[in-house]
Every structure is written in C-alpha cells, then in structure tokens.
Amino acid sequence: MKIAVLGAGAWGTAQAISLAGHHRVALWARDPEQARALVRDRVNRRYLEEAALPPAVHPTSDFSHAVD
C-alpha cells in the first residue's frame, strides 16, 4: 500500500519512518528545498536529524505526486 504523509516536520517525518516498515510512503514537504534536502541527505536535518529515512520513504514537494 502507498501512503502519503502530508507535512515533513518532526511529526510527519516520524510517521513516515514508522510506516515505511510495511508500506511505500510519500513524504510531502511544502518547501521544495526541504524536499530536495530530504532526498539528498536521507535525513530531516531541520526537524529530526537523529533518524535516517528508510528506502521506502520518498520525499517530494509535488503534492499531486504524493497523493497519486
């Protein structure tokens, strides 16, 4: 199942990481630069830097891509 988490703050990032164990997760960030940093670094340095994003988490700033 694909799940979209809308909001890439600490709470949204934690939810995405938790759900990624069993699902493909789109993590939507409203700020395109933040989304690019999440893709590049595979960690949310702004809000939750101690937790790496698993491969099943796909950050994006494209809302239509997140919810398709």
PDB file of N, CA and C in Angstrom:
ATOM      1  N   MET A   1       0.838  -1.161   0.000  1.00  0.00           N
ATOM      2  CA  MET A   1       0.000   0.000   0.000  1.00  0.00           C
ATOM      3  C   MET A   1       0.892   1.237   0.000  1.00  0.00           C
ATOM      4  N   LYS A   2       0.484   2.264  -0.755  1.00  0.00           N
ATOM      5  CA  LYS A   2       1.200   3.539  -0.749  1.00  0.00           C
ATOM      6  C   LYS A   2       0.452   4.499   0.163  1.00  0.00           C
ATOM      7  N   ILE A   3       1.203   5.157   1.037  1.00  0.00           N
ATOM      8  CA  ILE A   3       0.637   6.111   1.985  1.00  0.00           C
ATOM      9  C   ILE A   3       1.313   7.461   1.762  1.00  0.00           C
ATOM     10  N   ALA A   4       0.530   8.533   1.844  1.00  0.00           N
ATOM     11  CA  ALA A   4       1.081   9.880   1.759  1.00  0.00           C
ATOM     12  C   ALA A   4       1.025  10.527   3.138  1.00  0.00           C
ATOM     13  N   VAL A   5       2.150  11.032   3.587  1.00  0.00           N
ATOM     14  CA  VAL A   5       2.213  11.807   4.822  1.00  0.00           C
ATOM     15  C   VAL A   5       2.391  13.255   4.386  1.00  0.00           C
ATOM     16  N   LEU A   6       1.428  14.083   4.733  1.00  0.00           N
ATOM     17  CA  LEU A   6       1.437  15.483   4.316  1.00  0.00           C
ATOM     18  C   LEU A   6       2.025  16.336   5.423  1.00  0.00           C
ATOM     19  N   GLY A   7       3.253  16.754   5.218  1.00  0.00           N
ATOM     20  CA  GLY A   7       3.963  17.564   6.201  1.00  0.00           C
ATOM     21  C   GLY A   7       5.246  16.869   6.622  1.00  0.00           C
ATOM     22  N   ALA A   8       6.369  17.523   6.375  1.00  0.00           N
ATOM     23  CA  ALA A   8       7.674  16.912   6.644  1.00  0.00           C
ATOM     24  C   ALA A   8       8.358  17.539   7.852  1.00  0.00           C
ATOM     25  N   GLY A   9       7.562  17.898   8.860  1.00  0.00           N
ATOM     26  CA  GLY A   9       8.134  18.339  10.126  1.00  0.00           C
ATOM     27  C   GLY A   9       8.561  17.119  10.934  1.00  0.00           C
ATOM     28  N   ALA A  10       8.819  17.299  12.195  1.00  0.00           N
ATOM     29  CA  ALA A  10       9.251  16.185  13.044  1.00  0.00           C
ATOM     30  C   ALA A  10       8.186  15.087  13.109  1.00  0.00           C
ATOM     31  N   TRP A  11       6.932  15.483  13.306  1.00  0.00           N
ATOM     32  CA  TRP A  11       5.858  14.504  13.447  1.00  0.00           C
ATOM     33  C   TRP A  11       5.624  13.742  12.139  1.00  0.00           C
ATOM     34  N   GLY A  12       5.534  14.453  11.014  1.00  0.00           N
ATOM     35  CA  GLY A  12       5.328  13.799   9.725  1.00  0.00           C
ATOM     36  C   GLY A  12       6.479  12.884   9.353  1.00  0.00           C
ATOM     37  N   THR A  13       7.693  13.330   9.624  1.00  0.00           N
ATOM     38  CA  THR A  13       8.868  12.503   9.338  1.00  0.00           C
ATOM     39  C   THR A  13       8.850  11.239  10.188  1.00  0.00           C
ATOM     40  N   ALA A  14       8.528  11.366  11.466  1.00  0.00           N
ATOM     41  CA  ALA A  14       8.456  10.198  12.351  1.00  0.00           C
ATOM     42  C   ALA A  14       7.371   9.229  11.885  1.00  0.00           C
ATOM     43  N   GLN A  15       6.226   9.750  11.461  1.00  0.00           N
ATOM     44  CA  GLN A  15       5.159   8.881  10.944  1.00  0.00           C
ATOM     45  C   GLN A  15       5.630   8.152   9.695  1.00  0.00           C
ATOM     46  N   ALA A  16       6.259   8.873   8.780  1.00  0.00           N
ATOM     47  CA  ALA A  16       6.740   8.256   7.542  1.00  0.00           C
ATOM     48  C   ALA A  16       7.734   7.138   7.832  1.00  0.00           C
ATOM     49  N   ILE A  17       8.654   7.380   8.741  1.00  0.00           N
ATOM     50  CA  ILE A  17       9.648   6.360   9.103  1.00  0.00           C
ATOM     51  C   ILE A  17       8.954   5.141   9.711  1.00  0.00           C
ATOM     52  N   SER A  18       8.006   5.379  10.583  1.00  0.00           N
ATOM     53  CA  SER A  18       7.283   4.279  11.223  1.00  0.00           C
ATOM     54  C   SER A  18       6.500   3.443  10.211  1.00  0.00           C
ATOM     55  N   LEU A  19       5.832   4.093   9.289  1.00  0.00           N
ATOM     56  CA  LEU A  19       5.021   3.387   8.294  1.00  0.00           C
ATOM     57  C   LEU A  19       5.855   2.676   7.233  1.00  0.00           C
ATOM     58  N   ALA A  20       7.086   3.120   7.026  1.00  0.00           N
ATOM     59  CA  ALA A  20       7.931   2.577   5.963  1.00  0.00           C
ATOM     60  C   ALA A  20       8.322   1.121   6.186  1.00  0.00           C
ATOM     61  N   GLY A  21       8.132   0.614   7.371  1.00  0.00           N
ATOM     62  CA  GLY A  21       8.439  -0.786   7.614  1.00  0.00           C
ATOM     63  C   GLY A  21       7.509  -1.732   6.876  1.00  0.00           C
ATOM     64  N   HIS A  22       6.318  -1.238   6.528  1.00  0.00           N
ATOM     65  CA  HIS A  22       5.318  -2.106   5.893  1.00  0.00           C
ATOM     66  C   HIS A  22       4.687  -1.508   4.645  1.00  0.00           C
ATOM     67  N   HIS A  23       5.020  -0.251   4.316  1.00  0.00           N
ATOM     68  CA  HIS A  23       4.370   0.434   3.200  1.00  0.00           C
ATOM     69  C   HIS A  23       5.361   1.308   2.454  1.00  0.00           C
ATOM     70  N   ARG A  24       4.993   1.666   1.227  1.00  0.00           N
ATOM     71  CA  ARG A  24       5.714   2.687   0.479  1.00  0.00           C
ATOM     72  C   ARG A  24       5.104   4.022   0.908  1.00  0.00           C
ATOM     73  N   VAL A  25       5.955   4.985   1.280  1.00  0.00           N
ATOM     74  CA  VAL A  25       5.465   6.232   1.872  1.00  0.00           C
ATOM     75  C   VAL A  25       5.988   7.436   1.093  1.00  0.00           C
ATOM     76  N   ALA A  26       5.061   8.286   0.648  1.00  0.00           N
ATOM     77  CA  ALA A  26       5.424   9.579   0.080  1.00  0.00           C
ATOM     78  C   ALA A  26       5.401  10.589   1.226  1.00  0.00           C
ATOM     79  N   LEU A  27       6.494  11.297   1.409  1.00  0.00           N
ATOM     80  CA  LEU A  27       6.590  12.319   2.456  1.00  0.00           C
ATOM     81  C   LEU A  27       6.587  13.675   1.772  1.00  0.00           C
ATOM     82  N   TRP A  28       5.460  14.388   1.881  1.00  0.00           N
ATOM     83  CA  TRP A  28       5.302  15.667   1.192  1.00  0.00           C
ATOM     84  C   TRP A  28       5.803  16.812   2.053  1.00  0.00           C
ATOM     85  N   ALA A  29       6.662  17.633   1.456  1.00  0.00           N
ATOM     86  CA  ALA A  29       7.159  18.856   2.087  1.00  0.00           C
ATOM     87  C   ALA A  29       6.704  20.034   1.238  1.00  0.00           C
ATOM     88  N   ARG A  30       6.114  21.042   1.832  1.00  0.00           N
ATOM     89  CA  ARG A  30       5.638  22.182   1.041  1.00  0.00           C
ATOM     90  C   ARG A  30       6.787  23.006   0.482  1.00  0.00           C
ATOM     91  N   ASP A  31       7.946  22.948   1.134  1.00  0.00           N
ATOM     92  CA  ASP A  31       9.132  23.702   0.711  1.00  0.00           C
ATOM     93  C   ASP A  31       9.977  22.826  -0.225  1.00  0.00           C
ATOM     94  N   PRO A  32      10.097  23.200  -1.504  1.00  0.00           N
ATOM     95  CA  PRO A  32      10.870  22.382  -2.449  1.00  0.00           C
ATOM     96  C   PRO A  32      12.324  22.164  -2.019  1.00  0.00           C
ATOM     97  N   GLU A  33      12.943  23.167  -1.412  1.00  0.00           N
ATOM     98  CA  GLU A  33      14.332  23.000  -0.960  1.00  0.00           C
ATOM     99  C   GLU A  33      14.421  21.958   0.156  1.00  0.00           C
ATOM    100  N   GLN A  34      13.454  21.967   1.054  1.00  0.00           N
ATOM    101  CA  GLN A  34      13.426  20.957   2.113  1.00  0.00           C
ATOM    102  C   GLN A  34      13.264  19.557   1.515  1.00  0.00           C
ATOM    103  N   ALA A  35      12.397  19.421   0.530  1.00  0.00           N
ATOM    104  CA  ALA A  35      12.206  18.115  -0.120  1.00  0.00           C
ATOM    105  C   ALA A  35      13.498  17.659  -0.791  1.00  0.00           C
ATOM    106  N   ARG A  36      14.189  18.571  -1.471  1.00  0.00           N
ATOM    107  CA  ARG A  36      15.462  18.212  -2.116  1.00  0.00           C
ATOM    108  C   ARG A  36      16.493  17.774  -1.073  1.00  0.00           C
ATOM    109  N   ALA A  37      16.538  18.467   0.061  1.00  0.00           N
ATOM    110  CA  ALA A  37      17.482  18.093   1.129  1.00  0.00           C
ATOM    111  C   ALA A  37      17.142  16.716   1.694  1.00  0.00           C
ATOM    112  N   LEU A  38      15.862  16.417   1.842  1.00  0.00           N
ATOM    113  CA  LEU A  38      15.455  15.093   2.337  1.00  0.00           C
ATOM    114  C   LEU A  38      15.884  14.002   1.369  1.00  0.00           C
ATOM    115  N   VAL A  39      15.720  14.242   0.082  1.00  0.00           N
ATOM    116  CA  VAL A  39      16.136  13.261  -0.931  1.00  0.00           C
ATOM    117  C   VAL A  39      17.657  13.099  -0.902  1.00  0.00           C
ATOM    118  N   ARG A  40      18.357  14.214  -0.860  1.00  0.00           N
ATOM    119  CA  ARG A  40      19.822  14.201  -0.914  1.00  0.00           C
ATOM    120  C   ARG A  40      20.448  13.579   0.336  1.00  0.00           C
ATOM    121  N   ASP A  41      19.993  13.999   1.511  1.00  0.00           N
ATOM    122  CA  ASP A  41      20.634  13.600   2.764  1.00  0.00           C
ATOM    123  C   ASP A  41      20.035  12.354   3.407  1.00  0.00           C
ATOM    124  N   ARG A  42      18.784  12.020   3.030  1.00  0.00           N
ATOM    125  CA  ARG A  42      18.052  10.884   3.609  1.00  0.00           C
ATOM    126  C   ARG A  42      17.895  11.029   5.122  1.00  0.00           C
ATOM    127  N   VAL A  43      17.858  12.280   5.575  1.00  0.00           N
ATOM    128  CA  VAL A  43      17.612  12.603   6.982  1.00  0.00           C
ATOM    129  C   VAL A  43      16.991  14.000   7.013  1.00  0.00           C
ATOM    130  N   ASN A  44      16.115  14.260   7.980  1.00  0.00           N
ATOM    131  CA  ASN A  44      15.475  15.563   8.110  1.00  0.00           C
ATOM    132  C   ASN A  44      16.304  16.402   9.070  1.00  0.00           C
ATOM    133  N   ARG A  45      17.325  17.051   8.539  1.00  0.00           N
ATOM    134  CA  ARG A  45      18.255  17.826   9.371  1.00  0.00           C
ATOM    135  C   ARG A  45      17.567  18.999  10.073  1.00  0.00           C
ATOM    136  N   ARG A  46      16.493  19.494   9.504  1.00  0.00           N
ATOM    137  CA  ARG A  46      15.793  20.646  10.082  1.00  0.00           C
ATOM    138  C   ARG A  46      14.989  20.266  11.322  1.00  0.00           C
ATOM    139  N   TYR A  47      14.358  19.079  11.319  1.00  0.00           N
ATOM    140  CA  TYR A  47      13.412  18.744  12.392  1.00  0.00           C
ATOM    141  C   TYR A  47      13.678  17.435  13.135  1.00  0.00           C
ATOM    142  N   LEU A  48      14.372  16.477  12.516  1.00  0.00           N
ATOM    143  CA  LEU A  48      14.535  15.171  13.161  1.00  0.00           C
ATOM    144  C   LEU A  48      15.842  14.536  12.685  1.00  0.00           C
ATOM    145  N   GLU A  49      16.950  15.183  12.981  1.00  0.00           N
ATOM    146  CA  GLU A  49      18.221  14.783  12.391  1.00  0.00           C
ATOM    147  C   GLU A  49      18.788  13.458  12.897  1.00  0.00           C
ATOM    148  N   GLU A  50      18.239  12.928  13.981  1.00  0.00           N
ATOM    149  CA  GLU A  50      18.791  11.679  14.510  1.00  0.00           C
ATOM    150  C   GLU A  50      18.188  10.427  13.863  1.00  0.00           C
ATOM    151  N   ALA A  51      17.242  10.584  12.936  1.00  0.00           N
ATOM    152  CA  ALA A  51      16.572   9.426  12.345  1.00  0.00           C
ATOM    153  C   ALA A  51      16.714   9.436  10.820  1.00  0.00           C
ATOM    154  N   ALA A  52      17.339   8.407  10.285  1.00  0.00           N
ATOM    155  CA  ALA A  52      17.520   8.285   8.835  1.00  0.00           C
ATOM    156  C   ALA A  52      16.217   7.854   8.163  1.00  0.00           C
ATOM    157  N   LEU A  53      16.015   8.325   6.934  1.00  0.00           N
ATOM    158  CA  LEU A  53      14.841   7.916   6.171  1.00  0.00           C
ATOM    159  C   LEU A  53      15.096   6.566   5.518  1.00  0.00           C
ATOM    160  N   PRO A  54      14.228   5.598   5.739  1.00  0.00           N
ATOM    161  CA  PRO A  54      14.381   4.296   5.087  1.00  0.00           C
ATOM    162  C   PRO A  54      14.152   4.418   3.575  1.00  0.00           C
ATOM    163  N   PRO A  55      14.608   3.443   2.807  1.00  0.00           N
ATOM    164  CA  PRO A  55      14.417   3.481   1.347  1.00  0.00           C
ATOM    165  C   PRO A  55      12.950   3.572   0.918  1.00  0.00           C
ATOM    166  N   ALA A  56      12.026   3.100   1.721  1.00  0.00           N
ATOM    167  CA  ALA A  56      10.606   3.125   1.358  1.00  0.00           C
ATOM    168  C   ALA A  56       9.979   4.509   1.504  1.00  0.00           C
ATOM    169  N   VAL A  57      10.712   5.485   2.042  1.00  0.00           N
ATOM    170  CA  VAL A  57      10.206   6.857   2.171  1.00  0.00           C
ATOM    171  C   VAL A  57      10.694   7.662   0.972  1.00  0.00           C
ATOM    172  N   HIS A  58       9.735   8.281   0.273  1.00  0.00           N
ATOM    173  CA  HIS A  58      10.026   9.045  -0.937  1.00  0.00           C
ATOM    174  C   HIS A  58       9.607  10.503  -0.743  1.00  0.00           C
ATOM    175  N   PRO A  59      10.553  11.363  -0.343  1.00  0.00           N
ATOM    176  CA  PRO A  59      10.229  12.769  -0.132  1.00  0.00           C
ATOM    177  C   PRO A  59       9.909  13.466  -1.459  1.00  0.00           C
ATOM    178  N   THR A  60       8.983  14.410  -1.415  1.00  0.00           N
ATOM    179  CA  THR A  60       8.609  15.184  -2.590  1.00  0.00           C
ATOM    180  C   THR A  60       7.957  16.489  -2.171  1.00  0.00           C
ATOM    181  N   SER A  61       8.053  17.496  -3.028  1.00  0.00           N
ATOM    182  CA  SER A  61       7.304  18.729  -2.813  1.00  0.00           C
ATOM    183  C   SER A  61       6.158  18.835  -3.823  1.00  0.00           C
ATOM    184  N   ASP A  62       6.022  17.824  -4.656  1.00  0.00           N
ATOM    185  CA  ASP A  62       4.955  17.777  -5.654  1.00  0.00           C
ATOM    186  C   ASP A  62       3.734  17.095  -5.037  1.00  0.00           C
ATOM    187  N   PHE A  63       2.728  17.902  -4.688  1.00  0.00           N
ATOM    188  CA  PHE A  63       1.563  17.374  -3.993  1.00  0.00           C
ATOM    189  C   PHE A  63       0.859  16.284  -4.820  1.00  0.00           C
ATOM    190  N   SER A  64       0.692  16.514  -6.108  1.00  0.00           N
ATOM    191  CA  SER A  64      -0.005  15.526  -6.934  1.00  0.00           C
ATOM    192  C   SER A  64       0.762  14.207  -6.999  1.00  0.00           C
ATOM    193  N   HIS A  65       2.088  14.273  -6.972  1.00  0.00           N
ATOM    194  CA  HIS A  65       2.890  13.042  -6.936  1.00  0.00           C
ATOM    195  C   HIS A  65       2.726  12.317  -5.595  1.00  0.00           C
ATOM    196  N   ALA A  66       2.631  13.077  -4.525  1.00  0.00           N
ATOM    197  CA  ALA A  66       2.498  12.470  -3.196  1.00  0.00           C
ATOM    198  C   ALA A  66       1.190  11.720  -3.038  1.00  0.00           C
ATOM    199  N   VAL A  67       0.112  12.244  -3.606  1.00  0.00           N
ATOM    200  CA  VAL A  67      -1.201  11.650  -3.370  1.00  0.00           C
ATOM    201  C   VAL A  67      -1.720  10.814  -4.538  1.00  0.00           C
ATOM    202  N   ASP A  68      -0.928  10.575  -5.559  1.00  0.00           N
ATOM    203  CA  ASP A  68      -1.421   9.774  -6.689  1.00  0.00           C
ATOM    204  C   ASP A  68      -1.527   8.313  -6.374  1.00  0.00           C
TER     205      ASP A  68
END
